[in-house]
């Protein structure tokens, strides 16, 4: 009996370790109202169904999304975009897109409308992140590592909630961003693209929701007449997402006219995680059956001895 209970405890500890090691899942979206030469082939709308890391996200954004010409320092390169925005959120999970009710409906509606109406768009439904690593740091360090000619620090500004040096240029409200965008539209076409890093929460004295901030920013950029592109990425702290659910992928597939071959397949990492998840479910079911059986056996009350039948 003691051995059985020891086995039960061991299985429960193993399942707890598996759950603790599971990554936090969040989506990322990249879009631009016009193509601006980002993609030279026929695929203007791309969906990556695989579970990817922030580093893989950065490489795809730079190579396939055309951001290498925007955030990497190239003085002799004629700019195709005035402003690039890296918007970092924390309220959106991958499954929220397909839900009838969302905690922040403005955020989901803004993303859906922007994604569907853009000439160029990329979607990454499943970004695997750790609670210990901030997405802001992972993406910015990834840009710096992958830019062959360096990261253009002089053309990067941040909102005041970003955890960067106080010496860097920071925006304390939306009016400050409006001023930067207005100045960019008047610059020489050979100038560099300005990158705005919009960190979680936006501004320190902000009272608006994440969706309201993103909607206001998109409206500001549209009215300014600037050429812009936005990368939205969410790190939902402490919220565990099941990567085998694909409601967001199905929604994006309906909005995507052309998807490159092989993008919808489950790669090696995806297969390992799905197998691990299935094994966890099977283990939980077997554990419940084992505990139920042991309790039933313990509840059986049989006599310790039987009387001899009476003699006739």
Protein backbone atom coordinates (compact mmCIF):
# COMPACT_ATOMS: atom_id res chain seq x y z
CA UNK A 1 0.00 0.00 0.00
CA UNK A 2 2.82 2.38 0.86
CA UNK A 3 4.47 1.63 -2.50
CA UNK A 4 1.24 2.50 -4.33
CA UNK A 5 0.94 5.85 -2.57
CA UNK A 6 4.60 6.58 -3.29
CA UNK A 7 3.94 5.93 -6.98
CA UNK A 8 0.95 8.28 -6.89
CA UNK A 9 3.03 11.04 -5.29
CA UNK A 10 5.80 10.54 -7.86
CA UNK A 11 3.36 10.87 -10.76
CA UNK A 12 1.85 14.03 -9.28
CA UNK A 13 5.28 15.60 -8.81
CA UNK A 14 6.20 14.74 -12.39
CA UNK A 15 3.03 16.35 -13.73
CA UNK A 16 3.67 19.45 -11.61
CA UNK A 17 7.18 19.77 -13.05
CA UNK A 18 5.84 19.41 -16.60
CA UNK A 19 3.25 22.13 -15.98
CA UNK A 20 5.84 24.45 -14.43
CA UNK A 21 8.20 23.98 -17.38
CA UNK A 22 5.53 24.72 -19.99
CA UNK A 23 6.14 28.09 -21.69
CA UNK A 24 3.80 31.05 -21.67
CA UNK A 25 2.15 31.43 -25.08
CA UNK A 26 1.28 34.70 -26.78
CA UNK A 27 0.63 35.88 -30.34
CA UNK A 28 2.43 38.41 -32.52
CA UNK A 29 1.20 40.33 -35.57
CA UNK A 30 3.08 42.37 -38.15
CA UNK A 31 1.25 44.51 -40.67
CA UNK A 32 1.58 47.50 -42.97
CA UNK A 33 -1.25 49.30 -44.83
CA UNK A 34 0.78 49.09 -48.04
CA UNK A 35 3.35 46.52 -49.12
CA UNK A 36 6.21 49.09 -49.34
CA UNK A 37 8.30 46.44 -51.09
CA UNK A 38 8.45 44.16 -48.02
CA UNK A 39 7.57 41.07 -50.05
CA UNK A 40 8.60 40.55 -53.66
CA UNK A 41 6.80 37.23 -54.14
CA UNK A 42 3.08 36.52 -54.36
CA UNK A 43 2.63 35.80 -50.64
CA UNK A 44 1.61 39.10 -49.05
CA UNK A 45 -0.19 37.49 -46.12
CA UNK A 46 1.81 34.92 -44.15
CA UNK A 47 0.86 32.85 -41.12
CA UNK A 48 3.46 30.87 -39.15
CA UNK A 49 1.56 28.08 -37.39
CA UNK A 50 4.63 26.68 -35.64
CA UNK A 51 5.44 27.49 -32.03
CA UNK A 52 8.44 29.82 -32.26
CA UNK A 53 10.74 31.57 -29.82
CA UNK A 54 11.23 35.37 -29.62
CA UNK A 55 14.58 34.94 -31.42
CA UNK A 56 12.90 33.13 -34.32
CA UNK A 57 10.25 35.85 -34.38
CA UNK A 58 12.93 38.52 -34.76
CA UNK A 59 14.61 36.66 -37.64
CA UNK A 60 11.31 36.24 -39.50
CA UNK A 61 10.39 39.90 -38.99
CA UNK A 62 13.78 41.07 -40.24
CA UNK A 63 14.02 38.70 -43.22
CA UNK A 64 10.45 38.06 -44.35
CA UNK A 65 8.90 41.19 -42.88
CA UNK A 66 11.47 43.55 -44.40
CA UNK A 67 12.40 45.18 -41.09
CA UNK A 68 16.12 44.70 -41.73
CA UNK A 69 15.95 47.81 -43.95
CA UNK A 70 14.17 49.72 -41.18
CA UNK A 71 15.81 48.98 -37.82
CA UNK A 72 19.33 48.16 -39.03
CA UNK A 73 21.53 51.22 -39.49
CA UNK A 74 21.94 51.92 -43.19
CA UNK A 75 22.63 55.58 -43.93
CA UNK A 76 22.71 55.11 -47.73
CA UNK A 77 19.41 53.24 -47.89
CA UNK A 78 16.37 55.20 -49.09
CA UNK A 79 13.62 54.75 -46.54
CA UNK A 80 10.38 53.08 -47.63
CA UNK A 81 8.67 53.61 -44.27
CA UNK A 82 8.57 56.71 -42.08
CA UNK A 83 7.73 55.05 -38.75
CA UNK A 84 8.01 51.48 -37.45
CA UNK A 85 6.27 50.65 -34.17
CA UNK A 86 7.07 47.78 -31.82
CA UNK A 87 3.97 47.53 -29.61
CA UNK A 88 4.42 45.24 -26.59
CA UNK A 89 1.32 44.09 -24.75
CA UNK A 90 0.39 41.65 -22.00
CA UNK A 91 -3.38 41.14 -22.28
CA UNK A 92 -3.78 38.87 -25.29
CA UNK A 93 -3.56 35.10 -25.53
CA UNK A 94 -3.65 33.16 -28.77
CA UNK A 95 -7.15 31.81 -28.14
CA UNK A 96 -8.66 35.25 -27.43
CA UNK A 97 -9.00 36.10 -31.13
CA UNK A 98 -11.67 33.45 -31.73
CA UNK A 99 -13.64 34.01 -28.50
CA UNK A 100 -17.06 35.64 -28.61
CA UNK A 101 -16.26 37.74 -25.54
CA UNK A 102 -12.86 39.22 -24.73
CA UNK A 103 -11.56 41.08 -21.72
CA UNK A 104 -10.34 43.83 -24.08
CA UNK A 105 -12.60 43.79 -27.13
CA UNK A 106 -11.09 47.02 -28.48
CA UNK A 107 -7.67 45.36 -28.68
CA UNK A 108 -8.95 42.32 -30.56
CA UNK A 109 -11.09 44.38 -32.94
CA UNK A 110 -8.18 46.70 -33.75
CA UNK A 111 -5.90 43.76 -34.50
CA UNK A 112 -8.51 41.99 -36.63
CA UNK A 113 -9.34 45.09 -38.66
CA UNK A 114 -5.71 46.11 -39.12
CA UNK A 115 -4.65 42.60 -40.11
CA UNK A 116 -7.53 42.11 -42.55
CA UNK A 117 -7.24 45.51 -44.27
CA UNK A 118 -3.45 45.56 -44.73
CA UNK A 119 -1.71 44.80 -48.01
CA UNK A 120 1.15 43.08 -46.17
CA UNK A 121 0.76 41.09 -42.97
CA UNK A 122 2.40 38.32 -40.97
CA UNK A 123 0.95 36.42 -38.03
CA UNK A 124 2.67 34.32 -35.38
CA UNK A 125 -0.13 32.76 -33.28
CA UNK A 126 2.17 30.90 -30.88
CA UNK A 127 5.24 32.59 -29.40
CA UNK A 128 6.77 30.54 -26.56
CA UNK A 129 8.12 32.74 -23.78
CA UNK A 130 9.31 32.44 -20.22
CA UNK A 131 7.89 34.43 -17.32
CA UNK A 132 11.46 35.20 -16.27
CA UNK A 133 12.47 36.86 -19.56
CA UNK A 134 10.85 40.13 -20.57
CA UNK A 135 9.71 40.18 -24.19
CA UNK A 136 10.96 43.75 -24.53
CA UNK A 137 14.53 42.70 -23.74
CA UNK A 138 14.38 39.55 -25.87
CA UNK A 139 13.18 41.35 -29.00
CA UNK A 140 15.47 44.39 -28.73
CA UNK A 141 18.53 42.19 -28.09
CA UNK A 142 17.46 40.00 -31.01
CA UNK A 143 17.32 43.00 -33.34
CA UNK A 144 20.76 44.12 -32.18
CA UNK A 145 22.27 40.65 -32.71
CA UNK A 146 20.78 40.12 -36.17
CA UNK A 147 21.53 43.55 -37.65
CA UNK A 148 24.78 43.14 -39.55
CA UNK A 149 25.40 46.89 -39.67
CA UNK A 150 24.33 47.58 -36.12
CA UNK A 151 21.17 48.73 -34.41
CA UNK A 152 20.31 52.36 -35.18
CA UNK A 153 20.10 53.71 -31.62
CA UNK A 154 19.80 57.31 -32.78
CA UNK A 155 16.50 56.53 -34.49
CA UNK A 156 14.87 54.60 -31.63
CA UNK A 157 12.55 56.16 -29.07
CA UNK A 158 10.70 54.52 -26.18
CA UNK A 159 7.65 55.10 -24.05
CA UNK A 160 8.46 55.87 -20.42
CA UNK A 161 7.35 52.41 -19.21
CA UNK A 162 10.26 50.73 -21.02
CA UNK A 163 13.04 49.39 -18.80
CA UNK A 164 15.86 51.16 -20.65
CA UNK A 165 18.33 53.83 -19.68
CA UNK A 166 16.87 57.18 -18.65
CA UNK A 167 19.33 58.88 -21.02
CA UNK A 168 17.47 57.56 -24.09
CA UNK A 169 14.66 59.45 -25.80
CA UNK A 170 11.33 58.65 -24.17
CA UNK A 171 7.70 59.56 -24.82
CA UNK A 172 5.55 60.50 -21.84
CA UNK A 173 2.26 60.83 -23.73
CA UNK A 174 0.65 60.35 -27.14
CA UNK A 175 1.24 64.00 -28.08
CA UNK A 176 4.98 63.35 -27.99
CA UNK A 177 4.59 60.48 -30.45
CA UNK A 178 2.38 62.65 -32.65
CA UNK A 179 5.14 65.24 -32.80
CA UNK A 180 7.70 62.64 -33.86
CA UNK A 181 5.43 61.23 -36.56
CA UNK A 182 4.65 64.71 -37.89
CA UNK A 183 8.35 65.54 -38.14
CA UNK A 184 9.07 62.27 -39.94
CA UNK A 185 6.59 62.98 -42.73
CA UNK A 186 8.43 66.23 -43.50
CA UNK A 187 11.93 64.74 -43.63
CA UNK A 188 13.96 63.95 -46.71
CA UNK A 189 13.05 60.56 -48.27
CA UNK A 190 16.65 59.43 -47.84
CA UNK A 191 16.42 59.70 -44.03
CA UNK A 192 16.17 56.72 -41.73
CA UNK A 193 13.03 55.14 -40.37
CA UNK A 194 12.19 55.97 -36.75
CA UNK A 195 11.47 52.99 -34.50
CA UNK A 196 9.03 53.60 -31.64
CA UNK A 197 9.10 50.99 -28.88
CA UNK A 198 5.72 51.08 -27.16
CA UNK A 199 6.15 49.05 -23.97
CA UNK A 200 3.48 47.37 -21.86
CA UNK A 201 1.21 49.94 -20.26
CA UNK A 202 2.21 52.70 -22.65
CA UNK A 203 2.87 55.59 -20.28
CA UNK A 204 3.42 55.81 -16.55
CA UNK A 205 0.36 58.01 -15.97
CA UNK A 206 -1.80 56.06 -18.41
CA UNK A 207 -5.40 55.18 -17.50
CA UNK A 208 -6.42 53.66 -20.85
CA UNK A 209 -6.62 49.98 -21.72
CA UNK A 210 -4.14 48.28 -24.02
CA UNK A 211 -6.72 48.16 -26.81
CA UNK A 212 -7.52 51.86 -26.49
CA UNK A 213 -3.83 52.75 -26.70
CA UNK A 214 -3.28 50.62 -29.81
CA UNK A 215 -6.43 51.96 -31.47
CA UNK A 216 -5.40 55.56 -30.73
CA UNK A 217 -1.91 54.92 -32.09
CA UNK A 218 -3.21 53.36 -35.32
CA UNK A 219 -5.65 56.25 -35.82
CA UNK A 220 -2.85 58.77 -35.22
CA UNK A 221 -0.63 57.12 -37.84
CA UNK A 222 -3.44 56.93 -40.39
CA UNK A 223 -4.38 60.59 -40.00
CA UNK A 224 -0.76 61.75 -40.21
CA UNK A 225 -0.36 60.30 -43.70
CA UNK A 226 2.90 58.65 -42.66
CA UNK A 227 4.08 55.38 -44.11
CA UNK A 228 4.11 53.00 -41.17
CA UNK A 229 4.34 49.39 -40.10
CA UNK A 230 3.48 47.88 -36.70
CA UNK A 231 4.69 44.77 -34.91
CA UNK A 232 2.39 43.82 -32.03
CA UNK A 233 3.58 41.13 -29.60
CA UNK A 234 1.95 39.99 -26.37
CA UNK A 235 3.49 38.36 -23.30
CA UNK A 236 0.55 37.27 -21.12
CA UNK A 237 2.25 36.92 -17.73
CA UNK A 238 1.30 33.78 -15.83
CA UNK A 239 -1.28 32.66 -18.38
CA UNK A 240 -0.71 29.19 -19.80
CA UNK A 241 -1.78 28.57 -23.36
CA UNK A 242 -2.23 25.20 -25.02
CA UNK A 243 -0.31 25.32 -28.33
CA UNK A 244 -2.33 22.41 -29.76
CA UNK A 245 -5.47 24.58 -29.93
CA UNK A 246 -5.69 26.29 -33.30
CA UNK A 247 -8.72 28.61 -33.26
CA UNK A 248 -6.52 31.62 -34.00
CA UNK A 249 -4.78 29.77 -36.81
CA UNK A 250 -8.10 28.88 -38.38
CA UNK A 251 -9.29 32.47 -38.15
CA UNK A 252 -6.12 33.77 -39.77
CA UNK A 253 -6.30 31.10 -42.47
CA UNK A 254 -9.74 32.42 -43.45
CA UNK A 255 -8.25 35.90 -43.81
CA UNK A 256 -5.19 34.71 -45.72
CA UNK A 257 -5.40 34.33 -49.47
CA UNK A 258 -1.93 32.91 -50.08
CA UNK A 259 0.10 30.94 -47.57
CA UNK A 260 3.51 29.55 -48.43
CA UNK A 261 3.67 25.74 -48.68
CA UNK A 262 4.61 23.93 -45.49
CA UNK A 263 3.61 26.76 -43.16
CA UNK A 264 0.57 24.87 -41.88
CA UNK A 265 2.45 21.73 -40.86
CA UNK A 266 3.44 20.79 -37.33
CA UNK A 267 7.23 20.78 -37.04
CA UNK A 268 9.42 18.68 -34.73
CA UNK A 269 9.08 21.01 -31.75
CA UNK A 270 5.32 21.11 -32.22
CA UNK A 271 5.12 17.31 -32.28
CA UNK A 272 7.19 16.97 -29.11
CA UNK A 273 5.00 19.45 -27.20
CA UNK A 274 1.74 17.93 -28.44
CA UNK A 275 2.95 14.44 -27.49
CA UNK A 276 3.99 15.70 -24.05
CA UNK A 277 0.59 17.29 -23.54
CA UNK A 278 -1.25 14.14 -24.60
CA UNK A 279 0.91 12.08 -22.25
CA UNK A 280 0.07 14.45 -19.39
CA UNK A 281 -3.66 14.01 -20.00
CA UNK A 282 -3.33 10.23 -20.15
CA UNK A 283 -1.28 10.27 -16.93
CA UNK A 284 -3.94 12.34 -15.14
CA UNK A 285 -6.70 9.95 -16.24
CA UNK A 286 -4.71 6.91 -15.10
CA UNK A 287 -3.95 8.64 -11.81
CA UNK A 288 -7.66 9.26 -11.18
CA UNK A 289 -8.45 5.62 -11.99
CA UNK A 290 -5.70 4.41 -9.66
CA UNK A 291 -6.84 6.57 -6.74
CA UNK A 292 -10.48 5.54 -7.27
CA UNK A 293 -9.53 1.86 -7.32
CA UNK A 294 -7.45 2.13 -4.17
CA UNK A 295 -10.26 3.90 -2.32
CA UNK A 296 -12.75 1.23 -3.41
CA UNK A 297 -10.44 -1.55 -2.23
CA UNK A 298 -9.92 0.20 1.11
CA UNK A 299 -13.68 0.53 1.52
CA UNK A 300 -14.36 -3.20 1.18
CA UNK A 301 -15.15 -4.65 4.65
CA UNK A 302 -14.87 -8.46 4.67
CA UNK A 303 -15.09 -10.72 7.79
CA UNK A 304 -11.80 -11.95 9.18
CA UNK A 305 -13.17 -15.49 9.68
CA UNK A 306 -16.14 -17.58 8.65
CA UNK A 307 -18.22 -19.76 11.00
CA UNK A 308 -18.51 -23.43 10.21
CA UNK A 309 -21.92 -24.46 8.87
CA UNK A 310 -24.17 -26.00 11.55
CA UNK A 311 -24.44 -29.79 11.62
CA UNK A 312 -27.80 -31.17 10.58
